[in-house]
Amino acid sequence: MMQSILIGIGAGAASALLFASVASGSPLSVPLFYLAPLPILIAALGWSHWAALVAALAASAALASVFSPIFFIGFSIGIGLPAWWLGYLTLLARPSAQTPDGLEWYPVGHLVVWAAMLSALVVIAGIFNFGFDEQSFRSSLRGVLERMLHLQGQTISGGDDGAARSGRLLDFLVTALPLAAAVLTTITNIGNLWLASRVVRISGRLRRPPPDLAAMRFPRYAPALTGLAIAGSFVEGLVGIAAGVVGAAMMMAYAILGFAVLHTITRGLSSRPFVLAGVYGAVIVFGWPVLVMTMLGLADAAFDLRGRVTRKRGPPPPPAWT
């Protein structure tokens, strides 16, 4: 237990330093900031979820002591506890006679959905920081964006046309920013979890065997959750905004599922490396092709595309948790 505490304190210090690096204003601090959950996840996967919990609390306490007490709550809710929970779920297993190591590990697809839901909750918590009704939220966020982008001076100097352009830009950003934050936070959570598993596996401390990422399946409630979130996004007020955040995070999760589908259906093709490289390159360069991957993931959930391909090729999909 003492080892877990010491590891947790060290991981918490590293996480706090990564988080606080953004205060320097350096461009390098931005990627370092997004890597703040990584030490906590490494502590969880390499040692135990108790070490990760200590790391989350230690980082929160360190930031609160240096900056402001509010950072204890902000870091805990936004980074520390979500990273601890994802690490805990990753090493969750139950006995199984059908696996070589005698354990059935918590499915990767369920981890992706959890990462999306946690991301949505973090963004929703941030929304309430700006106000508890739609008008106050939009007004507060608009004011923050106006100061960040220095639009007030441009509006005055540009006259009515400048004011109209600035107003349209701010309206678009206020609407799009929560959705973009949900997508980015989902990518960050999943990326950090993957990177932590690679680091711990290289060190030889990862107990969980490498999963077949191309075979991952989402839980049965995922399509219903996504559908309800998208439908709820048309509701007025903060309820609609929060539902849109959940929908955006789940759509990103389905984009990741779409990549898993692509990896499965291209197996055995001689052109597979070129297809995969082309798709990944298009998503990185242009961005919008990720919508195609989202549609592919949704199509797999509706029509079991991988199941059809798998039945033709032989091996059944891995068992899924209910």
C-alpha atoms as a PDB file:
ATOM      1  CA  MET A   1       0.000   0.000   0.000  1.00  0.00           C
ATOM      2  CA  MET A   2       2.870   2.387   0.816  1.00  0.00           C
ATOM      3  CA  GLN A   3       4.287   1.825  -2.663  1.00  0.00           C
ATOM      4  CA  SER A   4       0.936   2.782  -4.214  1.00  0.00           C
ATOM      5  CA  ILE A   5       0.829   5.953  -2.124  1.00  0.00           C
ATOM      6  CA  LEU A   6       4.357   6.972  -3.141  1.00  0.00           C
ATOM      7  CA  ILE A   7       3.702   6.181  -6.793  1.00  0.00           C
ATOM      8  CA  GLY A   8       0.447   8.125  -6.583  1.00  0.00           C
ATOM      9  CA  ILE A   9       2.142  11.191  -5.091  1.00  0.00           C
ATOM     10  CA  GLY A  10       4.806  11.141  -7.816  1.00  0.00           C
ATOM     11  CA  ALA A  11       2.232  10.680 -10.576  1.00  0.00           C
ATOM     12  CA  GLY A  12       0.103  13.451  -9.077  1.00  0.00           C
ATOM     13  CA  ALA A  13       3.055  15.839  -9.074  1.00  0.00           C
ATOM     14  CA  ALA A  14       3.753  15.060 -12.728  1.00  0.00           C
ATOM     15  CA  SER A  15       0.106  15.524 -13.645  1.00  0.00           C
ATOM     16  CA  ALA A  16      -0.081  18.855 -11.788  1.00  0.00           C
ATOM     17  CA  LEU A  17       3.046  20.112 -13.590  1.00  0.00           C
ATOM     18  CA  LEU A  18       1.603  19.163 -16.979  1.00  0.00           C
ATOM     19  CA  PHE A  19      -1.652  20.911 -16.138  1.00  0.00           C
ATOM     20  CA  ALA A  20       0.046  24.039 -14.784  1.00  0.00           C
ATOM     21  CA  SER A  21       2.352  24.322 -17.815  1.00  0.00           C
ATOM     22  CA  VAL A  22      -0.425  26.128 -19.682  1.00  0.00           C
ATOM     23  CA  ALA A  23       0.152  29.137 -17.410  1.00  0.00           C
ATOM     24  CA  SER A  24       3.457  29.742 -19.188  1.00  0.00           C
ATOM     25  CA  GLY A  25       1.664  30.720 -22.392  1.00  0.00           C
ATOM     26  CA  SER A  26       4.092  28.710 -24.522  1.00  0.00           C
ATOM     27  CA  PRO A  27       2.685  26.854 -27.567  1.00  0.00           C
ATOM     28  CA  LEU A  28       4.352  23.681 -26.244  1.00  0.00           C
ATOM     29  CA  SER A  29       2.238  23.944 -23.093  1.00  0.00           C
ATOM     30  CA  VAL A  30      -0.959  23.130 -25.001  1.00  0.00           C
ATOM     31  CA  PRO A  31      -0.099  19.475 -25.789  1.00  0.00           C
ATOM     32  CA  LEU A  32       1.433  19.136 -22.322  1.00  0.00           C
ATOM     33  CA  PHE A  33      -1.842  20.344 -20.814  1.00  0.00           C
ATOM     34  CA  TYR A  34      -3.802  17.664 -22.680  1.00  0.00           C
ATOM     35  CA  LEU A  35      -1.371  15.020 -21.382  1.00  0.00           C
ATOM     36  CA  ALA A  36      -2.218  15.857 -17.745  1.00  0.00           C
ATOM     37  CA  PRO A  37      -4.328  12.667 -17.251  1.00  0.00           C
ATOM     38  CA  LEU A  38      -1.496  10.459 -18.549  1.00  0.00           C
ATOM     39  CA  PRO A  39       0.513  10.050 -15.284  1.00  0.00           C
ATOM     40  CA  ILE A  40      -2.688   9.167 -13.402  1.00  0.00           C
ATOM     41  CA  LEU A  41      -3.593   6.529 -15.980  1.00  0.00           C
ATOM     42  CA  ILE A  42      -0.057   5.109 -15.918  1.00  0.00           C
ATOM     43  CA  ALA A  43      -0.287   4.810 -12.131  1.00  0.00           C
ATOM     44  CA  ALA A  44      -3.624   3.021 -12.469  1.00  0.00           C
ATOM     45  CA  LEU A  45      -2.571   0.546 -15.169  1.00  0.00           C
ATOM     46  CA  GLY A  46       0.927  -0.081 -13.829  1.00  0.00           C
ATOM     47  CA  TRP A  47       0.171  -0.321 -10.121  1.00  0.00           C
ATOM     48  CA  SER A  48      -3.464  -0.040  -9.002  1.00  0.00           C
ATOM     49  CA  HIS A  49      -6.475   2.190  -9.102  1.00  0.00           C
ATOM     50  CA  TRP A  50      -5.634   3.208  -5.530  1.00  0.00           C
ATOM     51  CA  ALA A  51      -2.370   4.712  -6.779  1.00  0.00           C
ATOM     52  CA  ALA A  52      -4.365   6.577  -9.431  1.00  0.00           C
ATOM     53  CA  LEU A  53      -6.801   7.885  -6.825  1.00  0.00           C
ATOM     54  CA  VAL A  54      -3.914   9.146  -4.696  1.00  0.00           C
ATOM     55  CA  ALA A  55      -2.424  10.748  -7.823  1.00  0.00           C
ATOM     56  CA  ALA A  56      -5.681  12.521  -8.653  1.00  0.00           C
ATOM     57  CA  LEU A  57      -6.066  13.888  -5.127  1.00  0.00           C
ATOM     58  CA  ALA A  58      -2.383  14.837  -4.832  1.00  0.00           C
ATOM     59  CA  ALA A  59      -2.463  16.752  -8.114  1.00  0.00           C
ATOM     60  CA  SER A  60      -5.669  18.539  -7.106  1.00  0.00           C
ATOM     61  CA  ALA A  61      -4.207  19.498  -3.733  1.00  0.00           C
ATOM     62  CA  ALA A  62      -0.965  20.736  -5.293  1.00  0.00           C
ATOM     63  CA  LEU A  63      -2.783  22.948  -7.793  1.00  0.00           C
ATOM     64  CA  ALA A  64      -5.112  24.258  -5.102  1.00  0.00           C
ATOM     65  CA  SER A  65      -2.179  25.208  -2.875  1.00  0.00           C
ATOM     66  CA  VAL A  66      -0.311  27.016  -5.669  1.00  0.00           C
ATOM     67  CA  PHE A  67      -3.163  28.721  -7.544  1.00  0.00           C
ATOM     68  CA  SER A  68      -6.589  28.695  -5.901  1.00  0.00           C
ATOM     69  CA  PRO A  69      -8.709  26.304  -3.793  1.00  0.00           C
ATOM     70  CA  ILE A  70     -11.192  26.066  -6.676  1.00  0.00           C
ATOM     71  CA  PHE A  71      -8.570  24.114  -8.623  1.00  0.00           C
ATOM     72  CA  PHE A  72      -9.043  21.183  -6.242  1.00  0.00           C
ATOM     73  CA  ILE A  73     -12.623  20.751  -7.427  1.00  0.00           C
ATOM     74  CA  GLY A  74     -11.896  21.738 -11.025  1.00  0.00           C
ATOM     75  CA  PHE A  75      -8.982  19.349 -11.549  1.00  0.00           C
ATOM     76  CA  SER A  76     -10.664  16.514  -9.651  1.00  0.00           C
ATOM     77  CA  ILE A  77     -13.861  16.682 -11.704  1.00  0.00           C
ATOM     78  CA  GLY A  78     -12.291  17.569 -15.035  1.00  0.00           C
ATOM     79  CA  ILE A  79      -9.199  15.346 -15.106  1.00  0.00           C
ATOM     80  CA  GLY A  80      -8.328  13.433 -11.946  1.00  0.00           C
ATOM     81  CA  LEU A  81     -11.418  11.366 -11.178  1.00  0.00           C
ATOM     82  CA  PRO A  82     -12.292  10.570 -14.831  1.00  0.00           C
ATOM     83  CA  ALA A  83      -8.725   9.276 -15.379  1.00  0.00           C
ATOM     84  CA  TRP A  84      -8.925   7.225 -12.168  1.00  0.00           C
ATOM     85  CA  TRP A  85     -12.254   5.689 -13.207  1.00  0.00           C
ATOM     86  CA  LEU A  86     -11.053   4.791 -16.703  1.00  0.00           C
ATOM     87  CA  GLY A  87      -7.965   3.159 -15.202  1.00  0.00           C
ATOM     88  CA  TYR A  88     -10.113   1.224 -12.751  1.00  0.00           C
ATOM     89  CA  LEU A  89     -12.402  -0.059 -15.510  1.00  0.00           C
ATOM     90  CA  THR A  90      -9.472  -1.019 -17.749  1.00  0.00           C
ATOM     91  CA  LEU A  91      -8.186  -3.512 -15.151  1.00  0.00           C
ATOM     92  CA  LEU A  92     -11.661  -4.756 -14.226  1.00  0.00           C
ATOM     93  CA  ALA A  93     -12.040  -8.474 -14.987  1.00  0.00           C
ATOM     94  CA  ARG A  94     -14.176 -11.475 -14.097  1.00  0.00           C
ATOM     95  CA  PRO A  95     -13.395 -15.211 -14.200  1.00  0.00           C
ATOM     96  CA  SER A  96     -13.944 -16.943 -17.519  1.00  0.00           C
ATOM     97  CA  ALA A  97     -13.164 -20.451 -18.683  1.00  0.00           C
ATOM     98  CA  GLN A  98     -13.209 -19.379 -22.334  1.00  0.00           C
ATOM     99  CA  THR A  99     -10.067 -17.203 -22.287  1.00  0.00           C
ATOM    100  CA  PRO A 100      -6.407 -18.308 -22.129  1.00  0.00           C
ATOM    101  CA  ASP A 101      -5.670 -16.363 -18.940  1.00  0.00           C
ATOM    102  CA  GLY A 102      -8.929 -17.392 -17.264  1.00  0.00           C
ATOM    103  CA  LEU A 103     -10.226 -13.805 -17.142  1.00  0.00           C
ATOM    104  CA  GLU A 104     -12.705 -11.817 -19.206  1.00  0.00           C
ATOM    105  CA  TRP A 105     -11.530  -8.217 -19.187  1.00  0.00           C
ATOM    106  CA  TYR A 106     -13.794  -5.205 -19.308  1.00  0.00           C
ATOM    107  CA  PRO A 107     -14.501  -4.713 -23.031  1.00  0.00           C
ATOM    108  CA  VAL A 108     -12.673  -2.028 -24.973  1.00  0.00           C
ATOM    109  CA  GLY A 109     -15.875  -0.797 -26.576  1.00  0.00           C
ATOM    110  CA  HIS A 110     -17.384  -0.150 -23.162  1.00  0.00           C
ATOM    111  CA  LEU A 111     -14.262   1.828 -22.216  1.00  0.00           C
ATOM    112  CA  VAL A 112     -14.685   4.027 -25.304  1.00  0.00           C
ATOM    113  CA  VAL A 113     -18.314   4.742 -24.399  1.00  0.00           C
ATOM    114  CA  TRP A 114     -17.327   5.502 -20.812  1.00  0.00           C
ATOM    115  CA  ALA A 115     -14.642   7.900 -22.075  1.00  0.00           C
ATOM    116  CA  ALA A 116     -17.274   9.676 -24.187  1.00  0.00           C
ATOM    117  CA  MET A 117     -19.782   9.903 -21.324  1.00  0.00           C
ATOM    118  CA  LEU A 118     -17.162  11.181 -18.886  1.00  0.00           C
ATOM    119  CA  SER A 119     -16.081  13.774 -21.452  1.00  0.00           C
ATOM    120  CA  ALA A 120     -19.675  14.934 -21.843  1.00  0.00           C
ATOM    121  CA  LEU A 121     -20.120  15.213 -18.073  1.00  0.00           C
ATOM    122  CA  VAL A 122     -16.935  17.275 -17.758  1.00  0.00           C
ATOM    123  CA  VAL A 123     -18.097  19.694 -20.463  1.00  0.00           C
ATOM    124  CA  ILE A 124     -21.575  19.941 -18.926  1.00  0.00           C
ATOM    125  CA  ALA A 125     -19.998  20.752 -15.563  1.00  0.00           C
ATOM    126  CA  GLY A 126     -18.036  23.497 -17.317  1.00  0.00           C
ATOM    127  CA  ILE A 127     -21.232  24.844 -18.863  1.00  0.00           C
ATOM    128  CA  PHE A 128     -22.773  25.304 -15.430  1.00  0.00           C
ATOM    129  CA  ASN A 129     -19.711  27.335 -14.511  1.00  0.00           C
ATOM    130  CA  PHE A 130     -20.989  30.005 -16.949  1.00  0.00           C
ATOM    131  CA  GLY A 131     -24.598  30.002 -15.788  1.00  0.00           C
ATOM    132  CA  PHE A 132     -27.615  27.925 -14.812  1.00  0.00           C
ATOM    133  CA  ASP A 133     -29.873  29.023 -17.668  1.00  0.00           C
ATOM    134  CA  GLU A 134     -29.333  29.348 -21.403  1.00  0.00           C
ATOM    135  CA  GLN A 135     -29.337  33.146 -21.502  1.00  0.00           C
ATOM    136  CA  SER A 136     -26.747  33.569 -18.741  1.00  0.00           C
ATOM    137  CA  PHE A 137     -24.595  30.780 -20.204  1.00  0.00           C
ATOM    138  CA  ARG A 138     -24.538  32.302 -23.674  1.00  0.00           C
ATOM    139  CA  SER A 139     -23.986  35.796 -22.331  1.00  0.00           C
ATOM    140  CA  SER A 140     -21.092  34.746 -20.089  1.00  0.00           C
ATOM    141  CA  LEU A 141     -19.405  32.614 -22.746  1.00  0.00           C
ATOM    142  CA  ARG A 142     -19.890  35.340 -25.321  1.00  0.00           C
ATOM    143  CA  GLY A 143     -18.184  37.847 -23.031  1.00  0.00           C
ATOM    144  CA  VAL A 144     -15.239  35.517 -22.440  1.00  0.00           C
ATOM    145  CA  LEU A 145     -14.811  34.884 -26.167  1.00  0.00           C
ATOM    146  CA  GLU A 146     -15.101  38.573 -26.912  1.00  0.00           C
ATOM    147  CA  ARG A 147     -12.260  39.347 -24.532  1.00  0.00           C
ATOM    148  CA  MET A 148     -10.143  36.444 -25.779  1.00  0.00           C
ATOM    149  CA  LEU A 149     -10.535  37.385 -29.438  1.00  0.00           C
ATOM    150  CA  HIS A 150     -10.323  41.152 -28.807  1.00  0.00           C
ATOM    151  CA  LEU A 151     -13.452  41.719 -30.862  1.00  0.00           C
ATOM    152  CA  GLN A 152     -14.711  44.815 -29.074  1.00  0.00           C
ATOM    153  CA  GLY A 153     -12.069  47.100 -30.564  1.00  0.00           C
ATOM    154  CA  GLN A 154     -12.528  45.582 -34.022  1.00  0.00           C
ATOM    155  CA  THR A 155     -16.290  46.070 -33.759  1.00  0.00           C
ATOM    156  CA  ILE A 156     -15.919  49.752 -32.934  1.00  0.00           C
ATOM    157  CA  SER A 157     -13.401  50.414 -35.694  1.00  0.00           C
ATOM    158  CA  GLY A 158     -15.332  48.377 -38.254  1.00  0.00           C
ATOM    159  CA  GLY A 159     -18.669  50.143 -37.793  1.00  0.00           C
ATOM    160  CA  ASP A 160     -21.959  48.367 -38.363  1.00  0.00           C
ATOM    161  CA  ASP A 161     -20.451  45.819 -40.762  1.00  0.00           C
ATOM    162  CA  GLY A 162     -17.747  44.942 -38.243  1.00  0.00           C
ATOM    163  CA  ALA A 163     -20.317  44.587 -35.490  1.00  0.00           C
ATOM    164  CA  ALA A 164     -22.458  42.297 -37.628  1.00  0.00           C
ATOM    165  CA  ARG A 165     -19.522  40.073 -38.595  1.00  0.00           C
ATOM    166  CA  SER A 166     -18.299  39.885 -35.010  1.00  0.00           C
ATOM    167  CA  GLY A 167     -21.789  39.095 -33.783  1.00  0.00           C
ATOM    168  CA  ARG A 168     -22.223  36.248 -36.247  1.00  0.00           C
ATOM    169  CA  LEU A 169     -18.808  34.858 -35.367  1.00  0.00           C
ATOM    170  CA  LEU A 170     -19.561  34.963 -31.639  1.00  0.00           C
ATOM    171  CA  ASP A 171     -22.978  33.362 -32.114  1.00  0.00           C
ATOM    172  CA  PHE A 172     -21.380  30.525 -34.060  1.00  0.00           C
ATOM    173  CA  LEU A 173     -18.627  30.012 -31.483  1.00  0.00           C
ATOM    174  CA  VAL A 174     -21.033  30.038 -28.546  1.00  0.00           C
ATOM    175  CA  THR A 175     -23.089  27.323 -30.255  1.00  0.00           C
ATOM    176  CA  ALA A 176     -20.199  25.229 -31.540  1.00  0.00           C
ATOM    177  CA  LEU A 177     -17.754  25.475 -28.654  1.00  0.00           C
ATOM    178  CA  PRO A 178     -19.523  23.067 -26.235  1.00  0.00           C
ATOM    179  CA  LEU A 179     -19.835  20.470 -29.004  1.00  0.00           C
ATOM    180  CA  ALA A 180     -16.206  20.872 -30.047  1.00  0.00           C
ATOM    181  CA  ALA A 181     -15.113  20.650 -26.410  1.00  0.00           C
ATOM    182  CA  ALA A 182     -16.991  17.346 -26.028  1.00  0.00           C
ATOM    183  CA  VAL A 183     -15.335  15.916 -29.143  1.00  0.00           C
ATOM    184  CA  LEU A 184     -11.855  17.100 -28.135  1.00  0.00           C
ATOM    185  CA  THR A 185     -12.219  15.827 -24.558  1.00  0.00           C
ATOM    186  CA  THR A 186     -13.357  12.426 -25.843  1.00  0.00           C
ATOM    187  CA  ILE A 187     -10.317  12.196 -28.119  1.00  0.00           C
ATOM    188  CA  THR A 188      -8.061  13.288 -25.253  1.00  0.00           C
ATOM    189  CA  ASN A 189      -9.434  10.689 -22.828  1.00  0.00           C
ATOM    190  CA  ILE A 190      -9.192   7.832 -25.307  1.00  0.00           C
ATOM    191  CA  GLY A 191      -5.779   8.941 -26.573  1.00  0.00           C
ATOM    192  CA  ASN A 192      -4.334   9.177 -23.072  1.00  0.00           C
ATOM    193  CA  LEU A 193      -5.754   5.776 -22.139  1.00  0.00           C
ATOM    194  CA  TRP A 194      -4.209   4.192 -25.237  1.00  0.00           C
ATOM    195  CA  LEU A 195      -0.867   5.906 -24.643  1.00  0.00           C
ATOM    196  CA  ALA A 196      -0.802   4.879 -20.973  1.00  0.00           C
ATOM    197  CA  SER A 197      -1.481   1.251 -21.900  1.00  0.00           C
ATOM    198  CA  ARG A 198       1.388   1.322 -24.393  1.00  0.00           C
ATOM    199  CA  VAL A 199       3.802   2.830 -21.854  1.00  0.00           C
ATOM    200  CA  VAL A 200       2.858   0.346 -19.130  1.00  0.00           C
ATOM    201  CA  ARG A 201       2.975  -2.596 -21.554  1.00  0.00           C
ATOM    202  CA  ILE A 202       6.499  -1.647 -22.633  1.00  0.00           C
ATOM    203  CA  SER A 203       7.535  -1.586 -18.983  1.00  0.00           C
ATOM    204  CA  GLY A 204       6.102  -5.091 -18.525  1.00  0.00           C
ATOM    205  CA  ARG A 205       3.692  -4.095 -15.751  1.00  0.00           C
ATOM    206  CA  LEU A 206       0.404  -4.290 -17.680  1.00  0.00           C
ATOM    207  CA  ARG A 207      -1.571  -7.311 -16.537  1.00  0.00           C
ATOM    208  CA  ARG A 208      -4.245  -7.019 -19.210  1.00  0.00           C
ATOM    209  CA  PRO A 209      -3.364  -8.730 -22.523  1.00  0.00           C
ATOM    210  CA  PRO A 210      -3.479  -6.650 -25.727  1.00  0.00           C
ATOM    211  CA  PRO A 211      -7.107  -6.427 -26.917  1.00  0.00           C
ATOM    212  CA  ASP A 212      -8.274  -6.825 -30.490  1.00  0.00           C
ATOM    213  CA  LEU A 213      -9.257  -3.199 -31.085  1.00  0.00           C
ATOM    214  CA  ALA A 214     -10.807  -3.981 -34.458  1.00  0.00           C
ATOM    215  CA  ALA A 215     -13.286  -6.351 -32.785  1.00  0.00           C
ATOM    216  CA  MET A 216     -14.543  -3.939 -30.120  1.00  0.00           C
ATOM    217  CA  ARG A 217     -18.295  -3.694 -29.594  1.00  0.00           C
ATOM    218  CA  PHE A 218     -20.327  -1.006 -27.895  1.00  0.00           C
ATOM    219  CA  PRO A 219     -22.790  -1.830 -25.087  1.00  0.00           C
ATOM    220  CA  ARG A 220     -26.442  -2.356 -26.009  1.00  0.00           C
ATOM    221  CA  TYR A 221     -27.517   0.950 -24.517  1.00  0.00           C
ATOM    222  CA  ALA A 222     -25.152   3.033 -26.671  1.00  0.00           C
ATOM    223  CA  PRO A 223     -27.488   3.471 -29.705  1.00  0.00           C
ATOM    224  CA  ALA A 224     -30.396   4.438 -27.455  1.00  0.00           C
ATOM    225  CA  LEU A 225     -28.226   6.899 -25.533  1.00  0.00           C
ATOM    226  CA  THR A 226     -27.005   8.473 -28.767  1.00  0.00           C
ATOM    227  CA  GLY A 227     -30.500   8.712 -30.229  1.00  0.00           C
ATOM    228  CA  LEU A 228     -31.941  10.279 -27.071  1.00  0.00           C
ATOM    229  CA  ALA A 229     -29.071  12.766 -26.902  1.00  0.00           C
ATOM    230  CA  ILE A 230     -29.516  13.848 -30.524  1.00  0.00           C
ATOM    231  CA  ALA A 231     -33.283  14.170 -30.063  1.00  0.00           C
ATOM    232  CA  GLY A 232     -32.787  16.093 -26.823  1.00  0.00           C
ATOM    233  CA  SER A 233     -30.445  18.551 -28.515  1.00  0.00           C
ATOM    234  CA  PHE A 234     -33.509  20.124 -30.199  1.00  0.00           C
ATOM    235  CA  VAL A 235     -34.977  21.029 -26.814  1.00  0.00           C
ATOM    236  CA  GLU A 236     -34.567  24.650 -25.800  1.00  0.00           C
ATOM    237  CA  GLY A 237     -32.478  25.766 -22.853  1.00  0.00           C
ATOM    238  CA  LEU A 238     -29.541  24.179 -21.091  1.00  0.00           C
ATOM    239  CA  VAL A 239     -31.188  20.766 -21.411  1.00  0.00           C
ATOM    240  CA  GLY A 240     -30.800  20.951 -25.177  1.00  0.00           C
ATOM    241  CA  ILE A 241     -27.227  22.198 -24.913  1.00  0.00           C
ATOM    242  CA  ALA A 242     -26.297  19.394 -22.496  1.00  0.00           C
ATOM    243  CA  ALA A 243     -27.986  16.801 -24.720  1.00  0.00           C
ATOM    244  CA  GLY A 244     -26.041  18.138 -27.711  1.00  0.00           C
ATOM    245  CA  VAL A 245     -22.805  17.742 -25.762  1.00  0.00           C
ATOM    246  CA  VAL A 246     -23.635  14.102 -24.999  1.00  0.00           C
ATOM    247  CA  GLY A 247     -24.580  13.534 -28.632  1.00  0.00           C
ATOM    248  CA  ALA A 248     -21.319  15.061 -29.902  1.00  0.00           C
ATOM    249  CA  ALA A 249     -19.236  12.912 -27.542  1.00  0.00           C
ATOM    250  CA  MET A 250     -21.102   9.749 -28.584  1.00  0.00           C
ATOM    251  CA  MET A 251     -20.768  10.594 -32.267  1.00  0.00           C
ATOM    252  CA  MET A 252     -17.000  10.808 -31.735  1.00  0.00           C
ATOM    253  CA  ALA A 253     -17.143   7.421 -30.029  1.00  0.00           C
ATOM    254  CA  TYR A 254     -18.939   6.017 -33.076  1.00  0.00           C
ATOM    255  CA  ALA A 255     -16.253   7.521 -35.308  1.00  0.00           C
ATOM    256  CA  ILE A 256     -13.695   5.477 -33.374  1.00  0.00           C
ATOM    257  CA  LEU A 257     -15.935   2.447 -33.837  1.00  0.00           C
ATOM    258  CA  GLY A 258     -15.967   3.269 -37.551  1.00  0.00           C
ATOM    259  CA  PHE A 259     -12.186   2.959 -37.642  1.00  0.00           C
ATOM    260  CA  ALA A 260     -12.513  -0.449 -35.954  1.00  0.00           C
ATOM    261  CA  VAL A 261     -14.991  -1.478 -38.655  1.00  0.00           C
ATOM    262  CA  LEU A 262     -12.615  -0.271 -41.358  1.00  0.00           C
ATOM    263  CA  HIS A 263      -9.766  -2.317 -39.885  1.00  0.00           C
ATOM    264  CA  THR A 264     -11.994  -5.411 -39.831  1.00  0.00           C
ATOM    265  CA  ILE A 265     -13.513  -5.236 -43.302  1.00  0.00           C
ATOM    266  CA  THR A 266     -10.154  -4.506 -44.970  1.00  0.00           C
ATOM    267  CA  ARG A 267      -8.411  -7.557 -43.497  1.00  0.00           C
ATOM    268  CA  GLY A 268      -7.042  -9.770 -46.222  1.00  0.00           C
ATOM    269  CA  LEU A 269      -7.035  -7.048 -48.878  1.00  0.00           C
ATOM    270  CA  SER A 270      -3.745  -6.417 -50.621  1.00  0.00           C
ATOM    271  CA  SER A 271      -4.542  -2.693 -50.728  1.00  0.00           C
ATOM    272  CA  ARG A 272      -5.285  -2.524 -46.978  1.00  0.00           C
ATOM    273  CA  PRO A 273      -2.209  -0.429 -46.001  1.00  0.00           C
ATOM    274  CA  PHE A 274      -3.007   2.162 -48.680  1.00  0.00           C
ATOM    275  CA  VAL A 275      -6.699   2.323 -47.743  1.00  0.00           C
ATOM    276  CA  LEU A 276      -5.969   2.759 -44.041  1.00  0.00           C
ATOM    277  CA  ALA A 277      -3.210   5.301 -44.648  1.00  0.00           C
ATOM    278  CA  GLY A 278      -5.459   7.262 -47.006  1.00  0.00           C
ATOM    279  CA  VAL A 279      -8.373   7.369 -44.581  1.00  0.00           C
ATOM    280  CA  TYR A 280      -6.262   8.320 -41.577  1.00  0.00           C
ATOM    281  CA  GLY A 281      -4.443  10.947 -43.624  1.00  0.00           C
ATOM    282  CA  ALA A 282      -7.711  12.442 -44.898  1.00  0.00           C
ATOM    283  CA  VAL A 283      -9.117  12.670 -41.372  1.00  0.00           C
ATOM    284  CA  ILE A 284      -5.961  14.320 -40.026  1.00  0.00           C
ATOM    285  CA  VAL A 285      -5.603  16.798 -42.903  1.00  0.00           C
ATOM    286  CA  PHE A 286      -9.232  17.692 -43.667  1.00  0.00           C
ATOM    287  CA  GLY A 287     -11.101  16.717 -40.504  1.00  0.00           C
ATOM    288  CA  TRP A 288     -14.558  16.346 -42.038  1.00  0.00           C
ATOM    289  CA  PRO A 289     -14.013  12.719 -43.261  1.00  0.00           C
ATOM    290  CA  VAL A 290     -14.415  11.741 -39.590  1.00  0.00           C
ATOM    291  CA  LEU A 291     -18.145  12.134 -40.256  1.00  0.00           C
ATOM    292  CA  VAL A 292     -17.891   9.285 -42.769  1.00  0.00           C
ATOM    293  CA  MET A 293     -16.281   7.121 -40.091  1.00  0.00           C
ATOM    294  CA  THR A 294     -19.097   8.057 -37.710  1.00  0.00           C
ATOM    295  CA  MET A 295     -21.648   6.910 -40.297  1.00  0.00           C
ATOM    296  CA  LEU A 296     -19.692   3.682 -40.745  1.00  0.00           C
ATOM    297  CA  GLY A 297     -19.758   3.065 -36.989  1.00  0.00           C
ATOM    298  CA  LEU A 298     -23.496   3.764 -36.828  1.00  0.00           C
ATOM    299  CA  ALA A 299     -24.080   1.470 -39.793  1.00  0.00           C
ATOM    300  CA  ASP A 300     -22.196  -1.309 -38.036  1.00  0.00           C
ATOM    301  CA  ALA A 301     -24.346  -0.845 -34.943  1.00  0.00           C
ATOM    302  CA  ALA A 302     -27.508  -1.023 -37.049  1.00  0.00           C
ATOM    303  CA  PHE A 303     -26.613  -3.729 -39.586  1.00  0.00           C
ATOM    304  CA  ASP A 304     -23.709  -5.605 -37.942  1.00  0.00           C
ATOM    305  CA  LEU A 305     -21.313  -5.081 -40.839  1.00  0.00           C
ATOM    306  CA  ARG A 306     -18.409  -6.762 -39.046  1.00  0.00           C
ATOM    307  CA  GLY A 307     -20.603  -9.668 -38.035  1.00  0.00           C
ATOM    308  CA  ARG A 308     -21.473 -10.306 -41.670  1.00  0.00           C
ATOM    309  CA  VAL A 309     -17.806 -10.176 -42.663  1.00  0.00           C
ATOM    310  CA  THR A 310     -16.775 -12.313 -39.672  1.00  0.00           C
ATOM    311  CA  ARG A 311     -19.330 -15.016 -40.452  1.00  0.00           C
ATOM    312  CA  LYS A 312     -17.856 -15.315 -43.917  1.00  0.00           C
ATOM    313  CA  ARG A 313     -14.316 -15.528 -42.540  1.00  0.00           C
ATOM    314  CA  GLY A 314     -14.942 -17.838 -39.582  1.00  0.00           C
ATOM    315  CA  PRO A 315     -13.922 -16.544 -36.111  1.00  0.00           C
ATOM    316  CA  PRO A 316     -16.772 -15.265 -33.949  1.00  0.00           C
ATOM    317  CA  PRO A 317     -16.681 -11.858 -32.228  1.00  0.00           C
ATOM    318  CA  PRO A 318     -15.428 -11.738 -28.629  1.00  0.00           C
ATOM    319  CA  PRO A 319     -17.998 -12.041 -25.794  1.00  0.00           C
ATOM    320  CA  ALA A 320     -19.618  -8.769 -24.783  1.00  0.00           C
ATOM    321  CA  TRP A 321     -20.677  -7.643 -21.328  1.00  0.00           C
ATOM    322  CA  THR A 322     -24.278  -6.726 -20.812  1.00  0.00           C
END
